[in-house]
Amino acid sequence: MKRERGNVGDMIAAGLCMLAMTVVMLVYMKNAGLVNKKAAVDQVARKYILRMETAGRLTESDRTALLQELNSLGLTAPELTGTTVEQVGYGQPIVLNIRGKLEDGYEIEEKRVSTAKH
């Protein structure tokens, strides 16, 4: 049997393809993690807008608990500017506005609007 000569070009092409796929996979995993964190912030916002519907505003104890939950999710410099903190009457609109940064400076904003039902 004759031994065929290998082609180094084929090996380099296969190596480059593997490298490219590894880079794509790592970028995807990082972005998927950011999407998961954004979804977690969304769930926290839902939880607190439901509480606000009952209370008619964001109470101070809920505000403290909300900020702690956001910090535990990795949201840095959370802001609640524009959130309803003054008592509103039944049927009046209430707003929960969350802004902050996730890792690598990725800015998010979650705004929820509902009606007071207390």
N, C-alpha and C. Protein backbone atom coordinates (compact mmCIF):
# COMPACT_ATOMS: atom_id res chain seq x y z
N MET A 1 0.83 -1.18 0.00
CA MET A 1 0.00 0.00 0.00
C MET A 1 0.87 1.24 0.00
N LYS A 2 0.39 2.17 -0.75
CA LYS A 2 1.09 3.44 -0.82
C LYS A 2 0.51 4.41 0.19
N ARG A 3 1.36 5.08 0.86
CA ARG A 3 0.91 6.08 1.83
C ARG A 3 0.69 7.39 1.10
N GLU A 4 -0.54 7.98 1.34
CA GLU A 4 -0.84 9.26 0.69
C GLU A 4 -0.25 10.39 1.51
N ARG A 5 0.15 11.38 0.81
CA ARG A 5 0.69 12.55 1.49
C ARG A 5 -0.45 13.38 2.07
N GLY A 6 -0.28 13.82 3.29
CA GLY A 6 -1.29 14.66 3.92
C GLY A 6 -1.19 16.10 3.43
N ASN A 7 -2.27 16.77 3.59
CA ASN A 7 -2.31 18.16 3.18
C ASN A 7 -2.43 19.02 4.43
N VAL A 8 -1.41 19.79 4.71
CA VAL A 8 -1.40 20.65 5.89
C VAL A 8 -2.51 21.69 5.81
N GLY A 9 -2.85 22.09 4.61
CA GLY A 9 -3.92 23.08 4.42
C GLY A 9 -5.25 22.58 4.96
N ASP A 10 -5.54 21.29 4.80
CA ASP A 10 -6.78 20.72 5.33
C ASP A 10 -6.79 20.78 6.86
N MET A 11 -5.66 20.49 7.46
CA MET A 11 -5.57 20.53 8.92
C MET A 11 -5.74 21.95 9.44
N ILE A 12 -5.14 22.92 8.77
CA ILE A 12 -5.26 24.32 9.18
C ILE A 12 -6.71 24.78 9.03
N ALA A 13 -7.36 24.41 7.94
CA ALA A 13 -8.76 24.80 7.73
C ALA A 13 -9.65 24.21 8.81
N ALA A 14 -9.45 22.95 9.15
CA ALA A 14 -10.25 22.31 10.20
C ALA A 14 -9.99 22.99 11.55
N GLY A 15 -8.75 23.33 11.84
CA GLY A 15 -8.43 24.01 13.09
C GLY A 15 -9.06 25.38 13.18
N LEU A 16 -9.04 26.12 12.07
CA LEU A 16 -9.66 27.45 12.05
C LEU A 16 -11.18 27.35 12.23
N CYS A 17 -11.78 26.35 11.63
CA CYS A 17 -13.23 26.16 11.80
C CYS A 17 -13.57 25.85 13.26
N MET A 18 -12.77 25.00 13.89
CA MET A 18 -13.00 24.70 15.30
C MET A 18 -12.83 25.93 16.17
N LEU A 19 -11.83 26.73 15.89
CA LEU A 19 -11.60 27.96 16.63
C LEU A 19 -12.77 28.93 16.45
N ALA A 20 -13.23 29.08 15.24
CA ALA A 20 -14.36 29.98 14.97
C ALA A 20 -15.62 29.51 15.69
N MET A 21 -15.88 28.21 15.67
CA MET A 21 -17.06 27.68 16.35
C MET A 21 -16.96 27.86 17.88
N THR A 22 -15.76 27.74 18.41
CA THR A 22 -15.55 27.97 19.84
C THR A 22 -15.85 29.42 20.21
N VAL A 23 -15.37 30.34 19.40
CA VAL A 23 -15.63 31.76 19.65
C VAL A 23 -17.12 32.05 19.57
N VAL A 24 -17.79 31.53 18.56
CA VAL A 24 -19.23 31.74 18.42
C VAL A 24 -19.97 31.17 19.62
N MET A 25 -19.58 30.00 20.09
CA MET A 25 -20.23 29.37 21.23
C MET A 25 -20.04 30.20 22.50
N LEU A 26 -18.82 30.71 22.71
CA LEU A 26 -18.57 31.51 23.90
C LEU A 26 -19.37 32.81 23.89
N VAL A 27 -19.45 33.46 22.75
CA VAL A 27 -20.23 34.70 22.64
C VAL A 27 -21.71 34.41 22.87
N TYR A 28 -22.19 33.31 22.32
CA TYR A 28 -23.60 32.93 22.53
C TYR A 28 -23.88 32.69 24.01
N MET A 29 -23.00 31.96 24.68
CA MET A 29 -23.22 31.66 26.10
C MET A 29 -23.23 32.93 26.94
N LYS A 30 -22.36 33.88 26.62
CA LYS A 30 -22.33 35.14 27.36
C LYS A 30 -23.64 35.91 27.15
N ASN A 31 -24.08 36.01 25.90
CA ASN A 31 -25.31 36.74 25.61
C ASN A 31 -26.54 36.03 26.18
N ALA A 32 -26.53 34.71 26.17
CA ALA A 32 -27.64 33.97 26.76
C ALA A 32 -27.72 34.25 28.26
N GLY A 33 -26.57 34.39 28.91
CA GLY A 33 -26.56 34.73 30.33
C GLY A 33 -27.15 36.10 30.59
N LEU A 34 -26.85 37.07 29.73
CA LEU A 34 -27.44 38.41 29.87
C LEU A 34 -28.95 38.38 29.67
N VAL A 35 -29.40 37.60 28.71
CA VAL A 35 -30.84 37.47 28.46
C VAL A 35 -31.53 36.84 29.67
N ASN A 36 -30.90 35.85 30.28
CA ASN A 36 -31.46 35.22 31.47
C ASN A 36 -31.54 36.20 32.64
N LYS A 37 -30.52 37.04 32.80
CA LYS A 37 -30.56 38.04 33.87
C LYS A 37 -31.64 39.08 33.61
N LYS A 38 -31.81 39.47 32.36
CA LYS A 38 -32.87 40.42 32.01
C LYS A 38 -34.24 39.81 32.30
N ALA A 39 -34.40 38.53 32.01
CA ALA A 39 -35.66 37.85 32.30
C ALA A 39 -35.91 37.78 33.81
N ALA A 40 -34.85 37.60 34.59
CA ALA A 40 -34.99 37.58 36.05
C ALA A 40 -35.42 38.95 36.56
N VAL A 41 -34.85 40.02 36.01
CA VAL A 41 -35.25 41.38 36.39
C VAL A 41 -36.72 41.60 36.02
N ASP A 42 -37.14 41.08 34.88
CA ASP A 42 -38.53 41.17 34.44
C ASP A 42 -39.47 40.51 35.45
N GLN A 43 -39.09 39.34 35.96
CA GLN A 43 -39.91 38.64 36.94
C GLN A 43 -39.98 39.39 38.27
N VAL A 44 -38.87 39.98 38.67
CA VAL A 44 -38.86 40.78 39.90
C VAL A 44 -39.77 42.00 39.74
N ALA A 45 -39.70 42.65 38.56
CA ALA A 45 -40.56 43.81 38.30
C ALA A 45 -42.03 43.41 38.36
N ARG A 46 -42.37 42.26 37.81
CA ARG A 46 -43.76 41.78 37.84
C ARG A 46 -44.22 41.57 39.27
N LYS A 47 -43.36 40.97 40.08
CA LYS A 47 -43.69 40.71 41.48
C LYS A 47 -44.00 42.01 42.23
N TYR A 48 -43.17 43.03 42.00
CA TYR A 48 -43.35 44.27 42.75
C TYR A 48 -44.45 45.16 42.18
N ILE A 49 -44.75 45.07 40.90
CA ILE A 49 -45.89 45.85 40.38
C ILE A 49 -47.19 45.28 40.93
N LEU A 50 -47.24 43.96 41.14
CA LEU A 50 -48.43 43.36 41.75
C LEU A 50 -48.59 43.83 43.19
N ARG A 51 -47.49 43.94 43.92
CA ARG A 51 -47.55 44.47 45.28
C ARG A 51 -48.00 45.93 45.27
N MET A 52 -47.49 46.68 44.29
CA MET A 52 -47.85 48.10 44.20
C MET A 52 -49.33 48.27 43.89
N GLU A 53 -49.90 47.38 43.10
CA GLU A 53 -51.34 47.44 42.81
C GLU A 53 -52.14 47.37 44.09
N THR A 54 -51.73 46.51 44.99
CA THR A 54 -52.44 46.32 46.26
C THR A 54 -52.23 47.49 47.21
N ALA A 55 -51.00 48.00 47.27
CA ALA A 55 -50.68 49.07 48.22
C ALA A 55 -51.00 50.46 47.66
N GLY A 56 -51.05 50.61 46.35
CA GLY A 56 -51.28 51.91 45.75
C GLY A 56 -50.01 52.72 45.55
N ARG A 57 -48.87 52.13 45.86
CA ARG A 57 -47.57 52.78 45.70
C ARG A 57 -46.48 51.77 46.02
N LEU A 58 -45.23 52.18 45.82
CA LEU A 58 -44.09 51.36 46.23
C LEU A 58 -43.74 51.78 47.65
N THR A 59 -44.00 50.90 48.60
CA THR A 59 -43.72 51.22 50.00
C THR A 59 -42.21 51.22 50.23
N GLU A 60 -41.80 51.81 51.34
CA GLU A 60 -40.38 51.89 51.65
C GLU A 60 -39.78 50.51 51.89
N SER A 61 -40.53 49.63 52.56
CA SER A 61 -40.01 48.27 52.81
C SER A 61 -39.89 47.50 51.50
N ASP A 62 -40.89 47.66 50.60
CA ASP A 62 -40.81 47.00 49.29
C ASP A 62 -39.67 47.59 48.46
N ARG A 63 -39.44 48.88 48.58
CA ARG A 63 -38.35 49.52 47.84
C ARG A 63 -37.00 48.94 48.26
N THR A 64 -36.81 48.79 49.57
CA THR A 64 -35.58 48.22 50.09
C THR A 64 -35.40 46.77 49.62
N ALA A 65 -36.48 45.98 49.70
CA ALA A 65 -36.41 44.58 49.27
C ALA A 65 -36.17 44.48 47.76
N LEU A 66 -36.80 45.37 46.99
CA LEU A 66 -36.60 45.38 45.54
C LEU A 66 -35.14 45.67 45.18
N LEU A 67 -34.57 46.68 45.82
CA LEU A 67 -33.18 47.02 45.54
C LEU A 67 -32.23 45.89 45.93
N GLN A 68 -32.53 45.19 47.02
CA GLN A 68 -31.71 44.06 47.42
C GLN A 68 -31.79 42.93 46.40
N GLU A 69 -33.00 42.66 45.91
CA GLU A 69 -33.16 41.61 44.90
C GLU A 69 -32.45 41.97 43.61
N LEU A 70 -32.54 43.22 43.21
CA LEU A 70 -31.86 43.66 41.99
C LEU A 70 -30.35 43.55 42.14
N ASN A 71 -29.82 43.92 43.29
CA ASN A 71 -28.39 43.79 43.54
C ASN A 71 -27.95 42.33 43.52
N SER A 72 -28.79 41.45 44.07
CA SER A 72 -28.43 40.03 44.08
C SER A 72 -28.45 39.42 42.68
N LEU A 73 -29.20 40.03 41.77
CA LEU A 73 -29.21 39.57 40.37
C LEU A 73 -28.03 40.10 39.58
N GLY A 74 -27.26 41.00 40.18
CA GLY A 74 -26.09 41.55 39.50
C GLY A 74 -26.33 42.89 38.84
N LEU A 75 -27.46 43.51 39.12
CA LEU A 75 -27.76 44.83 38.56
C LEU A 75 -27.03 45.87 39.39
N THR A 76 -26.15 46.64 38.75
CA THR A 76 -25.41 47.67 39.45
C THR A 76 -26.05 49.02 39.21
N ALA A 77 -25.92 49.89 40.17
CA ALA A 77 -26.48 51.25 40.12
C ALA A 77 -27.96 51.25 39.75
N PRO A 78 -28.79 50.47 40.47
CA PRO A 78 -30.21 50.47 40.13
C PRO A 78 -30.87 51.80 40.47
N GLU A 79 -31.73 52.26 39.58
CA GLU A 79 -32.48 53.50 39.78
C GLU A 79 -33.96 53.20 39.66
N LEU A 80 -34.74 53.86 40.48
CA LEU A 80 -36.19 53.70 40.44
C LEU A 80 -36.87 55.02 40.09
N THR A 81 -36.16 55.88 39.37
CA THR A 81 -36.69 57.18 38.98
C THR A 81 -37.95 57.01 38.15
N GLY A 82 -39.00 57.73 38.51
CA GLY A 82 -40.26 57.65 37.77
C GLY A 82 -41.23 56.65 38.37
N THR A 83 -40.84 56.00 39.45
CA THR A 83 -41.70 55.01 40.10
C THR A 83 -42.67 55.73 41.03
N THR A 84 -43.90 55.22 41.11
CA THR A 84 -44.92 55.79 41.98
C THR A 84 -44.59 55.47 43.43
N VAL A 85 -44.24 56.51 44.20
CA VAL A 85 -43.94 56.33 45.62
C VAL A 85 -44.95 57.05 46.50
N GLU A 86 -45.74 57.94 45.92
CA GLU A 86 -46.80 58.63 46.67
C GLU A 86 -48.09 57.84 46.49
N GLN A 87 -48.89 57.80 47.55
CA GLN A 87 -50.14 57.05 47.53
C GLN A 87 -51.08 57.59 46.45
N VAL A 88 -51.64 56.68 45.65
CA VAL A 88 -52.63 57.06 44.65
C VAL A 88 -53.94 56.37 44.98
N GLY A 89 -55.03 56.90 44.46
CA GLY A 89 -56.35 56.35 44.72
C GLY A 89 -56.68 55.15 43.85
N TYR A 90 -57.77 54.51 44.18
CA TYR A 90 -58.24 53.35 43.44
C TYR A 90 -58.47 53.73 41.97
N GLY A 91 -57.95 52.91 41.07
CA GLY A 91 -58.14 53.14 39.64
C GLY A 91 -57.11 54.07 39.02
N GLN A 92 -56.24 54.64 39.83
CA GLN A 92 -55.21 55.54 39.31
C GLN A 92 -54.03 54.73 38.79
N PRO A 93 -53.33 55.25 37.79
CA PRO A 93 -52.17 54.52 37.27
C PRO A 93 -50.99 54.54 38.25
N ILE A 94 -50.27 53.42 38.28
CA ILE A 94 -49.03 53.31 39.05
C ILE A 94 -47.94 52.84 38.10
N VAL A 95 -46.72 53.28 38.37
CA VAL A 95 -45.59 52.99 37.48
C VAL A 95 -44.43 52.43 38.30
N LEU A 96 -43.80 51.39 37.77
CA LEU A 96 -42.56 50.88 38.32
C LEU A 96 -41.53 50.96 37.21
N ASN A 97 -40.51 51.77 37.42
CA ASN A 97 -39.48 51.99 36.40
C ASN A 97 -38.12 51.62 36.99
N ILE A 98 -37.51 50.58 36.45
CA ILE A 98 -36.22 50.09 36.93
C ILE A 98 -35.18 50.31 35.85
N ARG A 99 -34.08 50.96 36.23
CA ARG A 99 -32.94 51.14 35.31
C ARG A 99 -31.69 50.69 36.03
N GLY A 100 -30.75 50.18 35.26
CA GLY A 100 -29.48 49.77 35.85
C GLY A 100 -28.57 49.17 34.81
N LYS A 101 -27.45 48.67 35.28
CA LYS A 101 -26.46 48.08 34.38
C LYS A 101 -26.15 46.67 34.83
N LEU A 102 -26.09 45.79 33.85
CA LEU A 102 -25.61 44.43 34.10
C LEU A 102 -24.14 44.39 33.76
N GLU A 103 -23.56 43.22 33.80
CA GLU A 103 -22.12 43.10 33.54
C GLU A 103 -21.72 43.71 32.21
N ASP A 104 -20.52 44.18 32.14
CA ASP A 104 -19.94 44.82 30.95
C ASP A 104 -20.68 46.08 30.53
N GLY A 105 -21.39 46.73 31.46
CA GLY A 105 -22.04 47.99 31.16
C GLY A 105 -23.30 47.88 30.33
N TYR A 106 -23.86 46.69 30.21
CA TYR A 106 -25.09 46.49 29.45
C TYR A 106 -26.24 47.12 30.21
N GLU A 107 -26.83 48.19 29.64
CA GLU A 107 -27.88 48.94 30.33
C GLU A 107 -29.24 48.32 30.04
N ILE A 108 -30.05 48.22 31.10
CA ILE A 108 -31.41 47.71 30.93
C ILE A 108 -32.39 48.70 31.54
N GLU A 109 -33.61 48.66 31.03
CA GLU A 109 -34.71 49.44 31.59
C GLU A 109 -35.95 48.58 31.54
N GLU A 110 -36.60 48.47 32.66
CA GLU A 110 -37.83 47.69 32.77
C GLU A 110 -38.91 48.63 33.29
N LYS A 111 -39.95 48.85 32.51
CA LYS A 111 -41.02 49.75 32.92
C LYS A 111 -42.33 48.98 32.95
N ARG A 112 -43.00 49.05 34.07
CA ARG A 112 -44.30 48.40 34.25
C ARG A 112 -45.31 49.47 34.64
N VAL A 113 -46.49 49.41 34.03
CA VAL A 113 -47.57 50.34 34.34
C VAL A 113 -48.81 49.51 34.64
N SER A 114 -49.51 49.87 35.69
CA SER A 114 -50.72 49.15 36.05
C SER A 114 -51.69 50.13 36.71
N THR A 115 -52.73 49.59 37.33
CA THR A 115 -53.76 50.39 37.97
C THR A 115 -53.85 49.99 39.44
N ALA A 116 -53.95 50.98 40.32
CA ALA A 116 -54.07 50.70 41.75
C ALA A 116 -55.40 50.01 42.02
N LYS A 117 -55.36 48.96 42.82
CA LYS A 117 -56.57 48.17 43.11
C LYS A 117 -56.77 47.98 44.61
N HIS A 118 -56.41 48.96 45.38
CA HIS A 118 -56.54 48.82 46.84
C HIS A 118 -57.83 49.42 47.33
